[in-house]
């Protein structure tokens, strides 16, 4: 199981230069991946500072050699799939084949939807995700894509150059496992970034048995023949590191391929300390 960081891309007075430095520090500290949130307007605070994740990741790519780079999670319905594919393919080449992208319907609390006239109705956004996912997966594989849909069109077009990674840049699908459509969508891609909520909408960890059930319900391998990615976590490290390490070992045994540790926006020194301590292995 690989260990990645999910880093807040806005919401506090962290500068874009400090975010890039965190990505560089992550590689030196032994992390396997750096994944940024993707908001136009961050969900925390009043008119919070917010940075574009793809530009930040491009800068990180130039300062690293090993760490994987991507988002968790990009709201595909507020993006043009072809434009997103071009950005991801460019990052794939800048990083020497270390790029990935996770997509979903979008955070219900994303103020960047209504503020710019984007659809907020869940049914509409779900339909856009279903349609856009097929288009994105095809374009990220260098395929010549023809698509005539309700929301998107492509007239026999391929994006060149082809990706560094073969057969395509990996695509993950994020969302709540309480929605059956998330598993269906993920099976069309290369991985899943699941979460679950309690009856009070509080965060809840996956148990090893629940991870094993996810693994059994999804394809065994990705398009490149590697194990299908089951990406769990997305919260801060707990204070009892011995118990946390044991829990992570159980997740790995159940088939999780990634654990993501969340670094919330805040004091830059505290963010650097959270990254510099490295993963629990």
C-alpha atoms as a PDB file:
ATOM      1  CA  UNK A   1       0.000   0.000   0.000  1.00  0.00           C
ATOM      2  CA  UNK A   2       1.334   3.402  -0.998  1.00  0.00           C
ATOM      3  CA  UNK A   3       1.030   6.498   1.167  1.00  0.00           C
ATOM      4  CA  UNK A   4      -0.022   9.860  -0.210  1.00  0.00           C
ATOM      5  CA  UNK A   5      -0.856  13.331   1.005  1.00  0.00           C
ATOM      6  CA  UNK A   6      -4.142  15.078   0.322  1.00  0.00           C
ATOM      7  CA  UNK A   7      -3.286  18.750   0.651  1.00  0.00           C
ATOM      8  CA  UNK A   8      -5.684  21.633   1.054  1.00  0.00           C
ATOM      9  CA  UNK A   9      -5.378  24.029  -1.895  1.00  0.00           C
ATOM     10  CA  UNK A  10      -6.977  27.042  -0.251  1.00  0.00           C
ATOM     11  CA  UNK A  11      -8.858  28.298   2.741  1.00  0.00           C
ATOM     12  CA  UNK A  12      -6.019  29.936   4.649  1.00  0.00           C
ATOM     13  CA  UNK A  13      -3.079  32.229   4.152  1.00  0.00           C
ATOM     14  CA  UNK A  14      -0.756  29.615   2.639  1.00  0.00           C
ATOM     15  CA  UNK A  15       0.981  30.991  -0.438  1.00  0.00           C
ATOM     16  CA  UNK A  16       1.246  29.185  -3.737  1.00  0.00           C
ATOM     17  CA  UNK A  17       5.027  29.069  -3.314  1.00  0.00           C
ATOM     18  CA  UNK A  18       4.569  27.322   0.037  1.00  0.00           C
ATOM     19  CA  UNK A  19       2.285  24.742  -1.586  1.00  0.00           C
ATOM     20  CA  UNK A  20       4.903  23.976  -4.215  1.00  0.00           C
ATOM     21  CA  UNK A  21       7.523  23.652  -1.478  1.00  0.00           C
ATOM     22  CA  UNK A  22       5.263  21.175   0.351  1.00  0.00           C
ATOM     23  CA  UNK A  23       5.154  19.006  -2.763  1.00  0.00           C
ATOM     24  CA  UNK A  24       8.937  19.017  -2.968  1.00  0.00           C
ATOM     25  CA  UNK A  25       9.222  18.247   0.753  1.00  0.00           C
ATOM     26  CA  UNK A  26       6.779  15.353   0.376  1.00  0.00           C
ATOM     27  CA  UNK A  27       9.141  13.529  -1.961  1.00  0.00           C
ATOM     28  CA  UNK A  28      12.133  14.098   0.314  1.00  0.00           C
ATOM     29  CA  UNK A  29      10.099  12.831   3.273  1.00  0.00           C
ATOM     30  CA  UNK A  30       9.209   9.502   1.669  1.00  0.00           C
ATOM     31  CA  UNK A  31       5.606  10.056   0.539  1.00  0.00           C
ATOM     32  CA  UNK A  32       4.461   8.270  -2.607  1.00  0.00           C
ATOM     33  CA  UNK A  33       1.914  10.788  -3.871  1.00  0.00           C
ATOM     34  CA  UNK A  34       0.775  14.403  -3.617  1.00  0.00           C
ATOM     35  CA  UNK A  35      -2.902  15.029  -4.323  1.00  0.00           C
ATOM     36  CA  UNK A  36      -4.506  18.459  -4.175  1.00  0.00           C
ATOM     37  CA  UNK A  37      -8.087  19.520  -3.640  1.00  0.00           C
ATOM     38  CA  UNK A  38      -9.722  21.171  -6.665  1.00  0.00           C
ATOM     39  CA  UNK A  39     -11.907  24.193  -5.981  1.00  0.00           C
ATOM     40  CA  UNK A  40     -12.460  27.514  -7.750  1.00  0.00           C
ATOM     41  CA  UNK A  41     -13.543  28.972  -4.409  1.00  0.00           C
ATOM     42  CA  UNK A  42     -12.455  26.980  -1.372  1.00  0.00           C
ATOM     43  CA  UNK A  43     -15.186  25.788   0.981  1.00  0.00           C
ATOM     44  CA  UNK A  44     -13.667  27.288   4.150  1.00  0.00           C
ATOM     45  CA  UNK A  45     -13.771  30.934   5.148  1.00  0.00           C
ATOM     46  CA  UNK A  46     -15.086  34.146   3.634  1.00  0.00           C
ATOM     47  CA  UNK A  47     -13.653  34.712   0.144  1.00  0.00           C
ATOM     48  CA  UNK A  48     -10.731  32.392   0.964  1.00  0.00           C
ATOM     49  CA  UNK A  49      -7.499  32.334  -1.015  1.00  0.00           C
ATOM     50  CA  UNK A  50      -7.641  29.426  -3.464  1.00  0.00           C
ATOM     51  CA  UNK A  51      -4.982  28.075  -5.833  1.00  0.00           C
ATOM     52  CA  UNK A  52      -5.346  26.161  -9.078  1.00  0.00           C
ATOM     53  CA  UNK A  53      -4.166  22.582  -8.427  1.00  0.00           C
ATOM     54  CA  UNK A  54      -2.944  21.859 -11.950  1.00  0.00           C
ATOM     55  CA  UNK A  55      -0.619  24.848 -12.034  1.00  0.00           C
ATOM     56  CA  UNK A  56       0.695  23.959  -8.569  1.00  0.00           C
ATOM     57  CA  UNK A  57       1.249  20.342  -9.617  1.00  0.00           C
ATOM     58  CA  UNK A  58       3.070  21.445 -12.769  1.00  0.00           C
ATOM     59  CA  UNK A  59       5.505  23.396 -10.608  1.00  0.00           C
ATOM     60  CA  UNK A  60       5.902  20.428  -8.237  1.00  0.00           C
ATOM     61  CA  UNK A  61       6.606  18.151 -11.217  1.00  0.00           C
ATOM     62  CA  UNK A  62       9.629  20.260 -12.115  1.00  0.00           C
ATOM     63  CA  UNK A  63      11.080  19.847  -8.619  1.00  0.00           C
ATOM     64  CA  UNK A  64      10.467  16.131  -8.067  1.00  0.00           C
ATOM     65  CA  UNK A  65      11.347  12.849  -9.724  1.00  0.00           C
ATOM     66  CA  UNK A  66       9.370  10.082  -8.023  1.00  0.00           C
ATOM     67  CA  UNK A  67       6.194  11.210  -6.279  1.00  0.00           C
ATOM     68  CA  UNK A  68       2.859  10.743  -8.086  1.00  0.00           C
ATOM     69  CA  UNK A  69       0.771  13.855  -8.728  1.00  0.00           C
ATOM     70  CA  UNK A  70      -2.969  14.399  -9.067  1.00  0.00           C
ATOM     71  CA  UNK A  71      -6.205  15.691  -7.582  1.00  0.00           C
ATOM     72  CA  UNK A  72      -8.736  14.353  -5.116  1.00  0.00           C
ATOM     73  CA  UNK A  73     -11.235  15.195  -6.396  1.00  0.00           C
ATOM     74  CA  UNK A  74     -11.929  17.275  -9.526  1.00  0.00           C
ATOM     75  CA  UNK A  75     -15.607  18.055 -10.137  1.00  0.00           C
ATOM     76  CA  UNK A  76     -15.856  16.930 -13.753  1.00  0.00           C
ATOM     77  CA  UNK A  77     -19.289  18.544 -14.379  1.00  0.00           C
ATOM     78  CA  UNK A  78     -17.782  22.021 -13.957  1.00  0.00           C
ATOM     79  CA  UNK A  79     -14.927  21.258 -16.368  1.00  0.00           C
ATOM     80  CA  UNK A  80     -14.761  20.718 -20.090  1.00  0.00           C
ATOM     81  CA  UNK A  81     -13.505  17.108 -20.300  1.00  0.00           C
ATOM     82  CA  UNK A  82     -11.305  17.865 -23.299  1.00  0.00           C
ATOM     83  CA  UNK A  83      -9.645  20.824 -21.570  1.00  0.00           C
ATOM     84  CA  UNK A  84      -9.101  18.774 -18.418  1.00  0.00           C
ATOM     85  CA  UNK A  85      -7.616  15.959 -20.504  1.00  0.00           C
ATOM     86  CA  UNK A  86      -5.186  18.394 -22.153  1.00  0.00           C
ATOM     87  CA  UNK A  87      -4.067  19.673 -18.733  1.00  0.00           C
ATOM     88  CA  UNK A  88      -3.596  16.159 -17.344  1.00  0.00           C
ATOM     89  CA  UNK A  89      -1.699  14.993 -20.433  1.00  0.00           C
ATOM     90  CA  UNK A  90       0.597  17.998 -20.165  1.00  0.00           C
ATOM     91  CA  UNK A  91       1.293  17.171 -16.514  1.00  0.00           C
ATOM     92  CA  UNK A  92       1.931  13.559 -17.516  1.00  0.00           C
ATOM     93  CA  UNK A  93       4.719  14.709 -19.837  1.00  0.00           C
ATOM     94  CA  UNK A  94       6.090  17.328 -17.445  1.00  0.00           C
ATOM     95  CA  UNK A  95       6.351  14.676 -14.700  1.00  0.00           C
ATOM     96  CA  UNK A  96       7.676  11.857 -16.865  1.00  0.00           C
ATOM     97  CA  UNK A  97       4.552   9.734 -16.430  1.00  0.00           C
ATOM     98  CA  UNK A  98       3.542  10.466 -12.822  1.00  0.00           C
ATOM     99  CA  UNK A  99       0.166  12.152 -13.358  1.00  0.00           C
ATOM    100  CA  UNK A 100      -3.319  11.002 -12.467  1.00  0.00           C
ATOM    101  CA  UNK A 101      -6.746  12.521 -11.977  1.00  0.00           C
ATOM    102  CA  UNK A 102      -9.685  11.717  -9.715  1.00  0.00           C
ATOM    103  CA  UNK A 103     -13.144  12.925 -10.743  1.00  0.00           C
ATOM    104  CA  UNK A 104     -16.571  13.097  -9.170  1.00  0.00           C
ATOM    105  CA  UNK A 105     -19.862  14.979  -9.255  1.00  0.00           C
ATOM    106  CA  UNK A 106     -18.399  17.684  -7.017  1.00  0.00           C
ATOM    107  CA  UNK A 107     -18.728  18.774  -3.428  1.00  0.00           C
ATOM    108  CA  UNK A 108     -22.316  19.838  -2.618  1.00  0.00           C
ATOM    109  CA  UNK A 109     -20.796  22.735  -0.667  1.00  0.00           C
ATOM    110  CA  UNK A 110     -18.667  23.955  -3.598  1.00  0.00           C
ATOM    111  CA  UNK A 111     -19.448  27.669  -3.836  1.00  0.00           C
ATOM    112  CA  UNK A 112     -17.776  27.773  -7.233  1.00  0.00           C
ATOM    113  CA  UNK A 113     -20.772  26.039  -8.805  1.00  0.00           C
ATOM    114  CA  UNK A 114     -23.659  28.453  -8.219  1.00  0.00           C
ATOM    115  CA  UNK A 115     -21.358  31.493  -8.160  1.00  0.00           C
ATOM    116  CA  UNK A 116     -20.439  30.965 -11.805  1.00  0.00           C
ATOM    117  CA  UNK A 117     -23.744  29.592 -13.046  1.00  0.00           C
ATOM    118  CA  UNK A 118     -22.734  25.932 -13.085  1.00  0.00           C
ATOM    119  CA  UNK A 119     -25.433  23.268 -12.645  1.00  0.00           C
ATOM    120  CA  UNK A 120     -26.108  22.522  -8.989  1.00  0.00           C
ATOM    121  CA  UNK A 121     -28.809  19.904  -9.470  1.00  0.00           C
ATOM    122  CA  UNK A 122     -27.353  16.540  -8.501  1.00  0.00           C
ATOM    123  CA  UNK A 123     -29.182  14.638 -11.230  1.00  0.00           C
ATOM    124  CA  UNK A 124     -27.794  16.949 -13.923  1.00  0.00           C
ATOM    125  CA  UNK A 125     -24.257  16.805 -12.546  1.00  0.00           C
ATOM    126  CA  UNK A 126     -24.416  13.000 -12.287  1.00  0.00           C
ATOM    127  CA  UNK A 127     -25.469  12.782 -15.948  1.00  0.00           C
ATOM    128  CA  UNK A 128     -22.595  15.089 -16.929  1.00  0.00           C
ATOM    129  CA  UNK A 129     -20.149  12.954 -14.947  1.00  0.00           C
ATOM    130  CA  UNK A 130     -21.356   9.741 -16.585  1.00  0.00           C
ATOM    131  CA  UNK A 131     -20.999  11.223 -20.051  1.00  0.00           C
ATOM    132  CA  UNK A 132     -17.790  13.126 -19.396  1.00  0.00           C
ATOM    133  CA  UNK A 133     -16.055  10.146 -17.788  1.00  0.00           C
ATOM    134  CA  UNK A 134     -16.130   8.105 -20.993  1.00  0.00           C
ATOM    135  CA  UNK A 135     -14.812  11.069 -22.981  1.00  0.00           C
ATOM    136  CA  UNK A 136     -12.029  11.762 -20.470  1.00  0.00           C
ATOM    137  CA  UNK A 137     -10.897   8.130 -20.261  1.00  0.00           C
ATOM    138  CA  UNK A 138     -10.720   7.885 -24.049  1.00  0.00           C
ATOM    139  CA  UNK A 139      -8.780  11.114 -24.476  1.00  0.00           C
ATOM    140  CA  UNK A 140      -6.305  10.234 -21.710  1.00  0.00           C
ATOM    141  CA  UNK A 141      -5.529   7.026 -23.563  1.00  0.00           C
ATOM    142  CA  UNK A 142      -4.672   8.806 -26.794  1.00  0.00           C
ATOM    143  CA  UNK A 143      -7.694   7.296 -28.510  1.00  0.00           C
ATOM    144  CA  UNK A 144      -9.500   8.933 -31.408  1.00  0.00           C
ATOM    145  CA  UNK A 145     -12.806   9.766 -29.782  1.00  0.00           C
ATOM    146  CA  UNK A 146     -16.188  10.264 -31.398  1.00  0.00           C
ATOM    147  CA  UNK A 147     -18.929  11.246 -29.022  1.00  0.00           C
ATOM    148  CA  UNK A 148     -22.391  12.727 -29.540  1.00  0.00           C
ATOM    149  CA  UNK A 149     -24.026  13.291 -26.183  1.00  0.00           C
ATOM    150  CA  UNK A 150     -26.405  15.557 -24.357  1.00  0.00           C
ATOM    151  CA  UNK A 151     -23.647  17.613 -22.772  1.00  0.00           C
ATOM    152  CA  UNK A 152     -20.481  16.971 -24.812  1.00  0.00           C
ATOM    153  CA  UNK A 153     -19.380  16.319 -28.386  1.00  0.00           C
ATOM    154  CA  UNK A 154     -16.172  15.063 -29.977  1.00  0.00           C
ATOM    155  CA  UNK A 155     -15.752  14.680 -33.730  1.00  0.00           C
ATOM    156  CA  UNK A 156     -13.182  11.923 -34.196  1.00  0.00           C
ATOM    157  CA  UNK A 157     -10.470  13.783 -32.307  1.00  0.00           C
ATOM    158  CA  UNK A 158      -7.350  12.516 -30.527  1.00  0.00           C
ATOM    159  CA  UNK A 159      -5.109  14.586 -28.261  1.00  0.00           C
ATOM    160  CA  UNK A 160      -1.422  14.415 -29.157  1.00  0.00           C
ATOM    161  CA  UNK A 161       1.147  13.611 -28.034  1.00  0.00           C
ATOM    162  CA  UNK A 162      -0.084  10.364 -26.524  1.00  0.00           C
ATOM    163  CA  UNK A 163       0.389   9.932 -22.771  1.00  0.00           C
ATOM    164  CA  UNK A 164       3.699   8.829 -21.319  1.00  0.00           C
ATOM    165  CA  UNK A 165       1.855   6.173 -19.306  1.00  0.00           C
ATOM    166  CA  UNK A 166       0.434   3.198 -21.122  1.00  0.00           C
ATOM    167  CA  UNK A 167      -2.296   2.520 -21.967  1.00  0.00           C
ATOM    168  CA  UNK A 168      -3.522   5.791 -20.394  1.00  0.00           C
ATOM    169  CA  UNK A 169      -3.170   8.207 -17.532  1.00  0.00           C
ATOM    170  CA  UNK A 170      -4.968   6.544 -14.591  1.00  0.00           C
ATOM    171  CA  UNK A 171      -8.404   7.898 -13.740  1.00  0.00           C
ATOM    172  CA  UNK A 172      -9.956   7.453 -10.309  1.00  0.00           C
ATOM    173  CA  UNK A 173     -13.596   8.075  -9.409  1.00  0.00           C
ATOM    174  CA  UNK A 174     -14.500   9.618  -6.077  1.00  0.00           C
ATOM    175  CA  UNK A 175     -17.734   9.616  -4.146  1.00  0.00           C
ATOM    176  CA  UNK A 176     -19.804   8.162  -1.363  1.00  0.00           C
ATOM    177  CA  UNK A 177     -20.196   4.413  -1.275  1.00  0.00           C
ATOM    178  CA  UNK A 178     -23.781   4.985  -0.165  1.00  0.00           C
ATOM    179  CA  UNK A 179     -24.411   5.877  -3.815  1.00  0.00           C
ATOM    180  CA  UNK A 180     -24.291   2.717  -5.910  1.00  0.00           C
ATOM    181  CA  UNK A 181     -23.421   4.724  -9.027  1.00  0.00           C
ATOM    182  CA  UNK A 182     -19.942   5.402  -7.612  1.00  0.00           C
ATOM    183  CA  UNK A 183     -18.959   1.734  -7.857  1.00  0.00           C
ATOM    184  CA  UNK A 184     -20.427   1.510 -11.357  1.00  0.00           C
ATOM    185  CA  UNK A 185     -18.482   4.553 -12.529  1.00  0.00           C
ATOM    186  CA  UNK A 186     -15.255   3.490 -10.873  1.00  0.00           C
ATOM    187  CA  UNK A 187     -15.380   0.131 -12.635  1.00  0.00           C
ATOM    188  CA  UNK A 188     -15.089   2.038 -15.933  1.00  0.00           C
ATOM    189  CA  UNK A 189     -11.890   3.683 -14.756  1.00  0.00           C
ATOM    190  CA  UNK A 190      -8.740   2.678 -12.840  1.00  0.00           C
ATOM    191  CA  UNK A 191      -9.538   3.308  -9.208  1.00  0.00           C
ATOM    192  CA  UNK A 192     -11.943   4.533  -6.572  1.00  0.00           C
ATOM    193  CA  UNK A 193     -11.553   7.248  -3.926  1.00  0.00           C
ATOM    194  CA  UNK A 194     -14.481   6.332  -1.657  1.00  0.00           C
ATOM    195  CA  UNK A 195     -15.824   7.915   1.462  1.00  0.00           C
ATOM    196  CA  UNK A 196     -18.719   7.147   3.738  1.00  0.00           C
ATOM    197  CA  UNK A 197     -20.756   9.281   6.084  1.00  0.00           C
ATOM    198  CA  UNK A 198     -22.586   8.419   9.267  1.00  0.00           C
ATOM    199  CA  UNK A 199     -26.239   9.230   9.876  1.00  0.00           C
ATOM    200  CA  UNK A 200     -25.099  12.601  11.216  1.00  0.00           C
ATOM    201  CA  UNK A 201     -22.903  13.282   8.152  1.00  0.00           C
ATOM    202  CA  UNK A 202     -19.744  12.885  10.206  1.00  0.00           C
ATOM    203  CA  UNK A 203     -16.581  11.334   8.826  1.00  0.00           C
ATOM    204  CA  UNK A 204     -16.237   7.579   9.274  1.00  0.00           C
ATOM    205  CA  UNK A 205     -13.239   5.369   8.527  1.00  0.00           C
ATOM    206  CA  UNK A 206     -13.588   2.252   6.419  1.00  0.00           C
ATOM    207  CA  UNK A 207     -13.082  -0.987   8.269  1.00  0.00           C
ATOM    208  CA  UNK A 208     -10.782  -3.622   6.756  1.00  0.00           C
ATOM    209  CA  UNK A 209     -13.853  -5.781   6.039  1.00  0.00           C
ATOM    210  CA  UNK A 210     -15.475  -2.896   4.154  1.00  0.00           C
ATOM    211  CA  UNK A 211     -12.310  -2.404   2.119  1.00  0.00           C
ATOM    212  CA  UNK A 212     -12.267  -6.128   1.310  1.00  0.00           C
ATOM    213  CA  UNK A 213     -15.880  -5.837   0.121  1.00  0.00           C
ATOM    214  CA  UNK A 214     -14.922  -2.908  -2.123  1.00  0.00           C
ATOM    215  CA  UNK A 215     -12.015  -4.837  -3.592  1.00  0.00           C
ATOM    216  CA  UNK A 216     -14.302  -7.802  -4.316  1.00  0.00           C
ATOM    217  CA  UNK A 217     -16.887  -5.571  -6.000  1.00  0.00           C
ATOM    218  CA  UNK A 218     -14.451  -3.827  -8.359  1.00  0.00           C
ATOM    219  CA  UNK A 219     -12.250  -5.045 -11.223  1.00  0.00           C
ATOM    220  CA  UNK A 220      -9.146  -6.932 -10.181  1.00  0.00           C
ATOM    221  CA  UNK A 221      -6.855  -4.908 -12.438  1.00  0.00           C
ATOM    222  CA  UNK A 222      -6.626  -1.514 -14.088  1.00  0.00           C
ATOM    223  CA  UNK A 223      -6.255  -0.960 -17.812  1.00  0.00           C
ATOM    224  CA  UNK A 224      -2.467  -1.369 -17.469  1.00  0.00           C
ATOM    225  CA  UNK A 225      -2.776  -4.710 -15.668  1.00  0.00           C
ATOM    226  CA  UNK A 226      -1.810  -3.312 -12.268  1.00  0.00           C
ATOM    227  CA  UNK A 227      -4.119  -3.882  -9.282  1.00  0.00           C
ATOM    228  CA  UNK A 228      -7.227  -1.724  -9.377  1.00  0.00           C
ATOM    229  CA  UNK A 229      -6.659   1.215  -7.047  1.00  0.00           C
ATOM    230  CA  UNK A 230      -8.690   1.432  -3.845  1.00  0.00           C
ATOM    231  CA  UNK A 231      -7.712   4.750  -2.289  1.00  0.00           C
ATOM    232  CA  UNK A 232      -8.848   5.230   1.301  1.00  0.00           C
ATOM    233  CA  UNK A 233      -8.182   7.773   4.032  1.00  0.00           C
ATOM    234  CA  UNK A 234      -8.494  11.488   3.546  1.00  0.00           C
ATOM    235  CA  UNK A 235      -8.235  12.513   7.194  1.00  0.00           C
ATOM    236  CA  UNK A 236      -5.544  13.736   9.561  1.00  0.00           C
ATOM    237  CA  UNK A 237      -3.218  11.314  11.319  1.00  0.00           C
ATOM    238  CA  UNK A 238      -4.448  10.198  14.704  1.00  0.00           C
ATOM    239  CA  UNK A 239      -2.353  10.819  17.782  1.00  0.00           C
ATOM    240  CA  UNK A 240      -2.017   7.137  18.702  1.00  0.00           C
ATOM    241  CA  UNK A 241       0.475   6.252  15.982  1.00  0.00           C
ATOM    242  CA  UNK A 242       0.893   2.659  17.120  1.00  0.00           C
ATOM    243  CA  UNK A 243      -2.840   1.993  16.712  1.00  0.00           C
ATOM    244  CA  UNK A 244      -2.877   3.957  13.447  1.00  0.00           C
ATOM    245  CA  UNK A 245      -0.021   1.885  12.030  1.00  0.00           C
ATOM    246  CA  UNK A 246      -1.823  -1.347  12.958  1.00  0.00           C
ATOM    247  CA  UNK A 247      -5.003  -0.076  11.303  1.00  0.00           C
ATOM    248  CA  UNK A 248      -3.126   0.793   8.111  1.00  0.00           C
ATOM    249  CA  UNK A 249      -1.558  -2.651   8.023  1.00  0.00           C
ATOM    250  CA  UNK A 250      -5.037  -4.195   8.190  1.00  0.00           C
ATOM    251  CA  UNK A 251      -6.237  -1.973   5.323  1.00  0.00           C
ATOM    252  CA  UNK A 252      -3.287  -3.051   3.227  1.00  0.00           C
ATOM    253  CA  UNK A 253      -4.047  -6.673   3.985  1.00  0.00           C
ATOM    254  CA  UNK A 254      -7.647  -6.122   2.888  1.00  0.00           C
ATOM    255  CA  UNK A 255      -6.488  -4.845  -0.502  1.00  0.00           C
ATOM    256  CA  UNK A 256      -6.261  -1.052  -0.196  1.00  0.00           C
ATOM    257  CA  UNK A 257      -3.610   0.242  -2.598  1.00  0.00           C
ATOM    258  CA  UNK A 258      -3.330   3.809  -1.257  1.00  0.00           C
ATOM    259  CA  UNK A 259      -3.760   5.566   2.088  1.00  0.00           C
ATOM    260  CA  UNK A 260      -4.185   9.345   1.924  1.00  0.00           C
ATOM    261  CA  UNK A 261      -3.360  11.543   4.902  1.00  0.00           C
ATOM    262  CA  UNK A 262      -5.003  14.959   4.928  1.00  0.00           C
ATOM    263  CA  UNK A 263      -3.006  18.151   5.458  1.00  0.00           C
ATOM    264  CA  UNK A 264      -5.525  20.936   6.138  1.00  0.00           C
ATOM    265  CA  UNK A 265      -4.761  24.560   5.435  1.00  0.00           C
ATOM    266  CA  UNK A 266      -3.413  26.455   8.395  1.00  0.00           C
ATOM    267  CA  UNK A 267      -0.145  27.697   9.757  1.00  0.00           C
ATOM    268  CA  UNK A 268       2.514  27.000   7.093  1.00  0.00           C
ATOM    269  CA  UNK A 269       4.943  25.728   9.734  1.00  0.00           C
ATOM    270  CA  UNK A 270       2.366  23.191  10.966  1.00  0.00           C
ATOM    271  CA  UNK A 271       1.694  22.078   7.391  1.00  0.00           C
ATOM    272  CA  UNK A 272       5.425  21.602   6.772  1.00  0.00           C
ATOM    273  CA  UNK A 273       5.757  19.585   9.987  1.00  0.00           C
ATOM    274  CA  UNK A 274       2.875  17.297   8.959  1.00  0.00           C
ATOM    275  CA  UNK A 275       4.545  16.606   5.623  1.00  0.00           C
ATOM    276  CA  UNK A 276       8.108  16.325   6.971  1.00  0.00           C
ATOM    277  CA  UNK A 277       7.265  13.574   9.487  1.00  0.00           C
ATOM    278  CA  UNK A 278       6.741  11.182   6.582  1.00  0.00           C
ATOM    279  CA  UNK A 279       4.294   8.291   6.234  1.00  0.00           C
ATOM    280  CA  UNK A 280       3.476   5.617   8.807  1.00  0.00           C
ATOM    281  CA  UNK A 281       4.717   2.356   7.329  1.00  0.00           C
END
